[in-house]
C-alpha atoms as a PDB file:
ATOM      1  CA  MET A   1      11.396  54.626 183.638  1.00  0.00           C
ATOM      2  CA  ASN A   2      11.866  58.014 185.280  1.00  0.00           C
ATOM      3  CA  ASP A   3      10.180  60.879 183.413  1.00  0.00           C
ATOM      4  CA  LYS A   4      13.410  62.881 183.688  1.00  0.00           C
ATOM      5  CA  TYR A   5      14.818  60.766 180.837  1.00  0.00           C
ATOM      6  CA  ASP A   6      11.929  61.423 178.440  1.00  0.00           C
ATOM      7  CA  ILE A   7      13.333  64.635 176.934  1.00  0.00           C
ATOM      8  CA  TYR A   8      16.564  62.868 176.041  1.00  0.00           C
ATOM      9  CA  MET A   9      14.700  60.124 174.183  1.00  0.00           C
ATOM     10  CA  VAL A  10      12.492  62.558 172.255  1.00  0.00           C
ATOM     11  CA  PHE A  11      15.515  63.897 170.393  1.00  0.00           C
ATOM     12  CA  ASP A  12      17.710  60.769 170.586  1.00  0.00           C
ATOM     13  CA  GLN A  13      20.200  62.442 172.897  1.00  0.00           C
ATOM     14  CA  PRO A  14      22.540  60.452 175.146  1.00  0.00           C
ATOM     15  CA  ILE A  15      21.226  59.988 178.667  1.00  0.00           C
ATOM     16  CA  PRO A  16      23.727  60.998 181.352  1.00  0.00           C
ATOM     17  CA  TYR A  17      24.145  58.577 184.243  1.00  0.00           C
ATOM     18  CA  LYS A  18      26.960  59.550 186.593  1.00  0.00           C
ATOM     19  CA  GLU A  19      30.064  59.518 184.377  1.00  0.00           C
ATOM     20  CA  LEU A  20      28.393  57.623 181.543  1.00  0.00           C
ATOM     21  CA  ARG A  21      26.654  59.004 178.485  1.00  0.00           C
ATOM     22  CA  ILE A  22      24.296  56.280 177.264  1.00  0.00           C
ATOM     23  CA  HIS A  23      23.408  56.636 173.577  1.00  0.00           C
ATOM     24  CA  PRO A  24      20.450  55.017 171.791  1.00  0.00           C
ATOM     25  CA  VAL A  25      21.496  52.271 169.377  1.00  0.00           C
ATOM     26  CA  LEU A  26      21.261  52.882 165.634  1.00  0.00           C
ATOM     27  CA  MET A  27      19.439  50.570 163.249  1.00  0.00           C
ATOM     28  CA  LYS A  28      22.664  49.691 161.438  1.00  0.00           C
ATOM     29  CA  ASP A  29      23.794  48.088 164.716  1.00  0.00           C
ATOM     30  CA  TYR A  30      20.478  46.316 165.285  1.00  0.00           C
ATOM     31  CA  ALA A  31      21.691  42.759 164.649  1.00  0.00           C
ATOM     32  CA  VAL A  32      24.663  43.098 166.999  1.00  0.00           C
ATOM     33  CA  PHE A  33      22.551  44.802 169.661  1.00  0.00           C
ATOM     34  CA  ASN A  34      19.868  42.132 169.345  1.00  0.00           C
ATOM     35  CA  TYR A  35      22.448  39.474 170.217  1.00  0.00           C
ATOM     36  CA  LEU A  36      24.290  41.370 172.959  1.00  0.00           C
ATOM     37  CA  SER A  37      21.094  42.516 174.676  1.00  0.00           C
ATOM     38  CA  GLN A  38      20.424  38.906 175.691  1.00  0.00           C
ATOM     39  CA  ALA A  39      22.703  39.668 178.646  1.00  0.00           C
ATOM     40  CA  LEU A  40      19.991  42.062 179.880  1.00  0.00           C
ATOM     41  CA  LEU A  41      17.080  39.673 179.337  1.00  0.00           C
ATOM     42  CA  VAL A  42      17.885  36.748 181.619  1.00  0.00           C
ATOM     43  CA  ASP A  43      14.733  35.862 183.577  1.00  0.00           C
ATOM     44  CA  LYS A  44      16.697  35.343 186.794  1.00  0.00           C
ATOM     45  CA  ASN A  45      13.816  35.740 189.221  1.00  0.00           C
ATOM     46  CA  SER A  46      11.832  32.908 187.643  1.00  0.00           C
ATOM     47  CA  ILE A  47      14.490  30.366 188.636  1.00  0.00           C
ATOM     48  CA  SER A  48      13.365  28.360 191.672  1.00  0.00           C
ATOM     49  CA  ASP A  49      16.605  28.577 193.576  1.00  0.00           C
ATOM     50  CA  VAL A  50      16.883  30.534 196.827  1.00  0.00           C
ATOM     51  CA  ASP A  51      20.535  31.393 196.230  1.00  0.00           C
ATOM     52  CA  ILE A  52      19.820  32.741 192.750  1.00  0.00           C
ATOM     53  CA  LEU A  53      16.779  34.693 193.908  1.00  0.00           C
ATOM     54  CA  SER A  54      18.883  36.377 196.600  1.00  0.00           C
ATOM     55  CA  MET A  55      21.516  37.475 194.055  1.00  0.00           C
ATOM     56  CA  THR A  56      21.508  40.818 192.326  1.00  0.00           C
ATOM     57  CA  TYR A  57      21.240  40.669 188.543  1.00  0.00           C
ATOM     58  CA  LEU A  58      24.883  41.662 188.212  1.00  0.00           C
ATOM     59  CA  GLU A  59      25.990  38.909 190.604  1.00  0.00           C
ATOM     60  CA  TYR A  60      24.033  36.365 188.584  1.00  0.00           C
ATOM     61  CA  LEU A  61      25.720  37.391 185.323  1.00  0.00           C
ATOM     62  CA  TYR A  62      29.177  37.029 186.840  1.00  0.00           C
ATOM     63  CA  LYS A  63      28.461  33.732 188.574  1.00  0.00           C
ATOM     64  CA  TYR A  64      26.843  32.097 185.550  1.00  0.00           C
ATOM     65  CA  ASN A  65      29.148  33.498 182.897  1.00  0.00           C
ATOM     66  CA  THR A  66      30.229  30.568 180.666  1.00  0.00           C
ATOM     67  CA  ASN A  67      31.560  29.892 177.189  1.00  0.00           C
ATOM     68  CA  GLU A  68      27.983  29.086 176.127  1.00  0.00           C
ATOM     69  CA  ASP A  69      26.611  32.215 177.833  1.00  0.00           C
ATOM     70  CA  PRO A  70      29.464  34.756 177.762  1.00  0.00           C
ATOM     71  CA  TYR A  71      27.509  37.421 179.637  1.00  0.00           C
ATOM     72  CA  ILE A  72      30.527  39.500 180.649  1.00  0.00           C
ATOM     73  CA  ALA A  73      31.995  39.710 177.144  1.00  0.00           C
ATOM     74  CA  MET A  74      28.518  40.547 175.858  1.00  0.00           C
ATOM     75  CA  LEU A  75      28.133  43.308 178.448  1.00  0.00           C
ATOM     76  CA  GLN A  76      31.461  44.904 177.564  1.00  0.00           C
ATOM     77  CA  ALA A  77      30.619  44.889 173.849  1.00  0.00           C
ATOM     78  CA  LEU A  78      27.147  46.262 174.626  1.00  0.00           C
ATOM     79  CA  PHE A  79      28.559  49.104 176.736  1.00  0.00           C
ATOM     80  CA  GLN A  80      30.998  49.944 173.944  1.00  0.00           C
ATOM     81  CA  ILE A  81      28.039  50.353 171.586  1.00  0.00           C
ATOM     82  CA  VAL A  82      25.781  52.386 173.889  1.00  0.00           C
ATOM     83  CA  THR A  83      28.638  54.675 174.985  1.00  0.00           C
ATOM     84  CA  ARG A  84      29.964  54.819 171.396  1.00  0.00           C
ATOM     85  CA  ASN A  85      33.402  54.158 172.778  1.00  0.00           C
ATOM     86  CA  PRO A  86      34.977  51.049 171.190  1.00  0.00           C
ATOM     87  CA  GLU A  87      37.924  51.313 173.602  1.00  0.00           C
ATOM     88  CA  LEU A  88      35.785  51.227 176.744  1.00  0.00           C
ATOM     89  CA  LYS A  89      36.953  48.704 179.334  1.00  0.00           C
ATOM     90  CA  MET A  90      34.792  46.937 181.907  1.00  0.00           C
ATOM     91  CA  ASN A  91      35.895  45.037 185.000  1.00  0.00           C
ATOM     92  CA  MET A  92      34.377  43.452 188.066  1.00  0.00           C
ATOM     93  CA  GLY A  93      34.655  45.321 191.348  1.00  0.00           C
ATOM     94  CA  ILE A  94      33.552  45.300 194.992  1.00  0.00           C
ATOM     95  CA  ASP A  95      31.846  48.401 196.368  1.00  0.00           C
ATOM     96  CA  GLU A  96      32.126  49.961 199.834  1.00  0.00           C
ATOM     97  CA  ASN A  97      29.394  47.618 201.097  1.00  0.00           C
ATOM     98  CA  ASN A  98      31.405  44.586 200.002  1.00  0.00           C
ATOM     99  CA  LYS A  99      28.884  43.939 197.229  1.00  0.00           C
ATOM    100  CA  MET A 100      29.460  43.038 193.595  1.00  0.00           C
ATOM    101  CA  ALA A 101      29.981  46.119 191.437  1.00  0.00           C
ATOM    102  CA  ILE A 102      31.060  46.887 187.904  1.00  0.00           C
ATOM    103  CA  ILE A 103      33.849  49.232 186.838  1.00  0.00           C
ATOM    104  CA  ILE A 104      33.187  50.991 183.544  1.00  0.00           C
ATOM    105  CA  GLY A 105      35.795  53.335 182.164  1.00  0.00           C
ATOM    106  CA  GLY A 106      37.533  53.381 185.527  1.00  0.00           C
ATOM    107  CA  VAL A 107      34.387  54.383 187.445  1.00  0.00           C
ATOM    108  CA  MET A 108      32.671  52.001 189.864  1.00  0.00           C
ATOM    109  CA  TYR A 109      28.940  51.371 189.575  1.00  0.00           C
ATOM    110  CA  SER A 110      26.987  49.388 192.163  1.00  0.00           C
ATOM    111  CA  SER A 111      24.484  46.644 191.408  1.00  0.00           C
ATOM    112  CA  MET A 112      21.703  49.212 191.811  1.00  0.00           C
ATOM    113  CA  ASP A 113      23.479  51.484 189.330  1.00  0.00           C
ATOM    114  CA  PHE A 114      23.716  48.574 186.923  1.00  0.00           C
ATOM    115  CA  ASP A 115      19.972  47.890 187.222  1.00  0.00           C
ATOM    116  CA  GLU A 116      19.240  51.531 186.383  1.00  0.00           C
ATOM    117  CA  ILE A 117      21.635  51.464 183.410  1.00  0.00           C
ATOM    118  CA  LYS A 118      19.904  48.272 182.208  1.00  0.00           C
ATOM    119  CA  ASN A 119      16.516  50.023 182.429  1.00  0.00           C
ATOM    120  CA  ILE A 120      17.824  53.045 180.518  1.00  0.00           C
ATOM    121  CA  VAL A 121      19.228  50.894 177.689  1.00  0.00           C
ATOM    122  CA  ALA A 122      15.969  48.933 177.505  1.00  0.00           C
ATOM    123  CA  GLU A 123      13.790  52.043 177.384  1.00  0.00           C
ATOM    124  CA  GLN A 124      16.004  53.785 174.831  1.00  0.00           C
ATOM    125  CA  ASN A 125      15.876  50.814 172.489  1.00  0.00           C
ATOM    126  CA  MET A 126      12.335  49.480 173.076  1.00  0.00           C
ATOM    127  CA  LEU A 127      13.688  46.325 174.698  1.00  0.00           C
ATOM    128  CA  GLU A 128      11.131  44.247 176.621  1.00  0.00           C
ATOM    129  CA  LEU A 129      12.649  43.279 179.977  1.00  0.00           C
ATOM    130  CA  PRO A 130      11.130  40.352 181.919  1.00  0.00           C
ATOM    131  CA  ASP A 131       8.203  41.557 184.041  1.00  0.00           C
ATOM    132  CA  ASP A 132       9.028  40.455 187.588  1.00  0.00           C
ATOM    133  CA  MET A 133       5.549  41.509 188.720  1.00  0.00           C
ATOM    134  CA  MET A 134       4.007  38.732 186.617  1.00  0.00           C
ATOM    135  CA  GLN A 135       4.616  35.015 187.166  1.00  0.00           C
ATOM    136  CA  LYS A 136       6.710  33.355 184.461  1.00  0.00           C
ATOM    137  CA  GLU A 137       4.002  30.749 183.860  1.00  0.00           C
ATOM    138  CA  VAL A 138       1.503  33.520 183.135  1.00  0.00           C
ATOM    139  CA  ARG A 139       3.943  35.300 180.812  1.00  0.00           C
ATOM    140  CA  ASP A 140       4.630  32.060 178.961  1.00  0.00           C
ATOM    141  CA  LYS A 141       0.910  31.462 178.449  1.00  0.00           C
ATOM    142  CA  LEU A 142       0.404  34.996 177.170  1.00  0.00           C
ATOM    143  CA  ARG A 143       3.276  34.578 174.718  1.00  0.00           C
ATOM    144  CA  GLU A 144       1.750  31.308 173.544  1.00  0.00           C
ATOM    145  CA  ALA A 145      -1.563  33.097 173.056  1.00  0.00           C
ATOM    146  CA  GLU A 146       0.155  35.814 171.021  1.00  0.00           C
ATOM    147  CA  GLU A 147       1.876  33.240 168.830  1.00  0.00           C
ATOM    148  CA  PHE A 148      -1.375  31.305 168.359  1.00  0.00           C
ATOM    149  CA  LYS A 149      -3.246  34.474 167.409  1.00  0.00           C
ATOM    150  CA  ARG A 150      -0.534  35.318 164.884  1.00  0.00           C
ATOM    151  CA  ARG A 151      -0.630  31.818 163.363  1.00  0.00           C
ATOM    152  CA  ILE A 152      -4.412  31.688 162.908  1.00  0.00           C
ATOM    153  CA  SER A 153      -4.387  35.183 161.406  1.00  0.00           C
ATOM    154  CA  GLY A 154      -2.241  33.792 158.575  1.00  0.00           C
ATOM    155  CA  ILE A 155       0.135  36.727 158.884  1.00  0.00           C
ATOM    156  CA  LYS A 156       3.813  35.875 158.513  1.00  0.00           C
ATOM    157  CA  ARG A 157       6.262  38.064 160.397  1.00  0.00           C
ATOM    158  CA  ALA A 158       8.112  40.453 158.114  1.00  0.00           C
ATOM    159  CA  THR A 159      11.892  40.258 158.017  1.00  0.00           C
ATOM    160  CA  LEU A 160      14.029  43.165 159.215  1.00  0.00           C
ATOM    161  CA  GLU A 161      14.818  43.959 155.588  1.00  0.00           C
ATOM    162  CA  ASP A 162      11.098  44.138 154.772  1.00  0.00           C
ATOM    163  CA  LEU A 163      10.478  46.448 157.738  1.00  0.00           C
ATOM    164  CA  VAL A 164      13.308  48.703 156.584  1.00  0.00           C
ATOM    165  CA  ILE A 165      11.658  48.829 153.137  1.00  0.00           C
ATOM    166  CA  CYS A 166       8.305  49.693 154.762  1.00  0.00           C
ATOM    167  CA  VAL A 167       9.872  52.725 156.434  1.00  0.00           C
ATOM    168  CA  MET A 168      11.633  53.725 153.215  1.00  0.00           C
ATOM    169  CA  ILE A 169       8.365  53.576 151.253  1.00  0.00           C
ATOM    170  CA  SER A 170       6.412  55.447 153.914  1.00  0.00           C
ATOM    171  CA  THR A 171       8.949  58.211 154.529  1.00  0.00           C
ATOM    172  CA  ALA A 172      11.008  58.501 151.329  1.00  0.00           C
ATOM    173  CA  MET A 173      14.139  57.835 153.400  1.00  0.00           C
ATOM    174  CA  SER A 174      17.111  56.124 151.788  1.00  0.00           C
ATOM    175  CA  VAL A 175      18.465  52.878 153.184  1.00  0.00           C
ATOM    176  CA  GLU A 176      21.368  54.888 154.631  1.00  0.00           C
ATOM    177  CA  ASP A 177      18.914  57.239 156.355  1.00  0.00           C
ATOM    178  CA  VAL A 178      17.084  54.307 157.918  1.00  0.00           C
ATOM    179  CA  GLY A 179      20.384  52.806 159.062  1.00  0.00           C
ATOM    180  CA  ASN A 180      21.104  56.014 160.957  1.00  0.00           C
ATOM    181  CA  LEU A 181      17.726  56.028 162.705  1.00  0.00           C
ATOM    182  CA  THR A 182      17.723  54.874 166.299  1.00  0.00           C
ATOM    183  CA  ILE A 183      15.992  51.567 166.975  1.00  0.00           C
ATOM    184  CA  ARG A 184      13.413  53.447 169.059  1.00  0.00           C
ATOM    185  CA  LYS A 185      12.538  55.940 166.311  1.00  0.00           C
ATOM    186  CA  PHE A 186      12.414  53.166 163.696  1.00  0.00           C
ATOM    187  CA  GLY A 187       9.907  51.205 165.782  1.00  0.00           C
ATOM    188  CA  LYS A 188       7.794  54.267 166.508  1.00  0.00           C
ATOM    189  CA  ILE A 189       7.735  55.307 162.842  1.00  0.00           C
ATOM    190  CA  LEU A 190       6.463  51.855 161.847  1.00  0.00           C
ATOM    191  CA  GLU A 191       3.816  51.918 164.559  1.00  0.00           C
ATOM    192  CA  ARG A 192       2.645  55.435 163.723  1.00  0.00           C
ATOM    193  CA  VAL A 193       2.557  54.856 159.945  1.00  0.00           C
ATOM    194  CA  ASP A 194       0.424  51.740 160.450  1.00  0.00           C
ATOM    195  CA  ASN A 195      -1.906  53.613 162.824  1.00  0.00           C
ATOM    196  CA  LYS A 196      -2.267  56.553 160.402  1.00  0.00           C
ATOM    197  CA  LEU A 197      -3.130  54.246 157.506  1.00  0.00           C
ATOM    198  CA  HIS A 198      -5.847  52.428 159.482  1.00  0.00           C
ATOM    199  CA  TYR A 199      -7.249  55.699 160.823  1.00  0.00           C
ATOM    200  CA  GLU A 200      -7.638  57.094 157.313  1.00  0.00           C
ATOM    201  CA  ILE A 201      -9.268  53.878 156.057  1.00  0.00           C
ATOM    202  CA  TYR A 202     -11.741  53.666 158.961  1.00  0.00           C
ATOM    203  CA  LEU A 203     -12.579  57.383 158.850  1.00  0.00           C
ATOM    204  CA  SER A 204     -13.164  57.273 155.090  1.00  0.00           C
ATOM    205  CA  ALA A 205     -15.381  54.190 155.480  1.00  0.00           C
ATOM    206  CA  GLN A 206     -17.492  55.840 158.173  1.00  0.00           C
ATOM    207  CA  MET A 207     -17.841  59.143 156.323  1.00  0.00           C
ATOM    208  CA  SER A 208     -19.048  57.280 153.240  1.00  0.00           C
ATOM    209  CA  GLY A 209     -22.187  56.389 155.177  1.00  0.00           C
ATOM    210  CA  PHE A 210     -21.989  52.715 154.276  1.00  0.00           C
ATOM    211  CA  VAL A 211     -20.139  51.632 157.414  1.00  0.00           C
ATOM    212  CA  LYS A 212     -20.899  52.271 161.073  1.00  0.00           C
ATOM    213  CA  PHE A 213     -18.633  51.156 163.895  1.00  0.00           C
ATOM    214  CA  LYS A 214     -20.255  50.093 167.159  1.00  0.00           C
ATOM    215  CA  ASP A 215     -16.897  50.389 168.884  1.00  0.00           C
ATOM    216  CA  LYS A 216     -16.092  54.096 168.684  1.00  0.00           C
ATOM    217  CA  SER A 217     -12.496  53.449 169.797  1.00  0.00           C
ATOM    218  CA  VAL A 218     -11.800  51.892 166.385  1.00  0.00           C
ATOM    219  CA  ILE A 219     -11.504  55.372 164.892  1.00  0.00           C
ATOM    220  CA  LYS A 220      -8.763  56.632 167.146  1.00  0.00           C
ATOM    221  CA  HIS A 221      -6.899  59.646 165.787  1.00  0.00           C
ATOM    222  CA  TRP A 222      -3.527  58.633 164.408  1.00  0.00           C
ATOM    223  CA  MET A 223      -1.770  61.180 166.635  1.00  0.00           C
ATOM    224  CA  SER A 224      -3.271  59.713 169.818  1.00  0.00           C
ATOM    225  CA  ASP A 225      -1.208  58.012 172.499  1.00  0.00           C
ATOM    226  CA  LEU A 226      -0.439  54.505 171.210  1.00  0.00           C
ATOM    227  CA  ARG A 227       0.908  53.080 174.449  1.00  0.00           C
ATOM    228  CA  LYS A 228      -0.864  49.946 175.635  1.00  0.00           C
ATOM    229  CA  ASP A 229      -0.430  46.917 177.841  1.00  0.00           C
ATOM    230  CA  ARG A 230       2.180  44.486 176.481  1.00  0.00           C
ATOM    231  CA  TYR A 231      -0.348  41.626 176.218  1.00  0.00           C
ATOM    232  CA  SER A 232      -3.571  43.603 175.776  1.00  0.00           C
ATOM    233  CA  ASP A 233      -4.399  41.842 172.507  1.00  0.00           C
ATOM    234  CA  VAL A 234      -4.601  38.415 174.135  1.00  0.00           C
ATOM    235  CA  LYS A 235      -5.672  39.189 177.683  1.00  0.00           C
ATOM    236  CA  VAL A 236      -9.275  38.477 178.660  1.00  0.00           C
ATOM    237  CA  GLN A 237     -10.859  41.440 180.382  1.00  0.00           C
ATOM    238  CA  PRO A 238     -12.699  40.873 183.707  1.00  0.00           C
ATOM    239  CA  GLU A 239     -15.880  42.280 182.157  1.00  0.00           C
ATOM    240  CA  THR A 240     -15.692  39.642 179.405  1.00  0.00           C
ATOM    241  CA  ILE A 241     -15.284  36.839 181.937  1.00  0.00           C
ATOM    242  CA  LYS A 242     -18.169  38.222 183.987  1.00  0.00           C
ATOM    243  CA  SER A 243     -20.479  38.463 180.969  1.00  0.00           C
ATOM    244  CA  GLU A 244     -19.595  34.902 179.917  1.00  0.00           C
ATOM    245  CA  ILE A 245     -20.329  33.624 183.425  1.00  0.00           C
ATOM    246  CA  ASN A 246     -23.670  35.437 183.461  1.00  0.00           C
ATOM    247  CA  LEU A 247     -24.502  34.010 180.048  1.00  0.00           C
ATOM    248  CA  ASP A 248     -23.632  30.484 181.196  1.00  0.00           C
ATOM    249  CA  ASN A 249     -25.791  30.946 184.311  1.00  0.00           C
ATOM    250  CA  ALA A 250     -28.690  32.164 182.207  1.00  0.00           C
ATOM    251  CA  ARG A 251     -28.408  29.159 179.885  1.00  0.00           C
ATOM    252  CA  LYS A 252     -28.278  26.797 182.854  1.00  0.00           C
ATOM    253  CA  ALA A 253     -31.355  28.415 184.436  1.00  0.00           C
ATOM    254  CA  LEU A 254     -33.242  28.089 181.141  1.00  0.00           C
ATOM    255  CA  GLN A 255     -32.317  24.418 180.855  1.00  0.00           C
ATOM    256  CA  ASP A 256     -33.428  23.785 184.463  1.00  0.00           C
ATOM    257  CA  LYS A 257     -36.855  25.275 183.698  1.00  0.00           C
ATOM    258  CA  ARG A 258     -37.247  22.932 180.778  1.00  0.00           C
END
């Protein structure tokens, strides 16, 4: 995401893109957005088909629009939400380069424009787009590792209602207030509240003198940058692999001497 959009997201302002004003989605529209956003999450580039790989994302949505996957209807409804214009109309078009384009509110946007709009909507609403820089097989394995880690931890995912209650308890907001939060701010409040709670617990434990943490990064100030790699919790670091290899080699050498 371009840094020029950051200031808009700080204060939940609409991001201007050509003639569009793209608004962040509110929590009260979360369920609808969660469904419609599937039109932005198709993992097109993981499909082993030369014709599909050569298509733009927009071309793919139009070509594979079906009753089961009504991508175009979903896109129009999604654009009505993010522009906050329930009367907004969307049509297919062809640009000056004879390429697939999209006409929104009477203005033509190229496939490249569409990709940028998709990125803006995703960033505004903390939507995880498929990472084309990582092979699908690798992503699938990392997701499996995340799910396995969650299962063995014994932690059951909270429902949306429970998460709303968590924010209400932590901030003294009413349910109406939470409904009027943007999805992005809601997610960041949850993340920051959780980080603040753990920081206070760890700091209190250390200051008591009864607990010492070998890993100093455990006590990370709750106002620190919380951004991290999407799969950092389940990825194996190169240093870990290297140390395990060295340990295996040492064990083997010891066995050989015996």
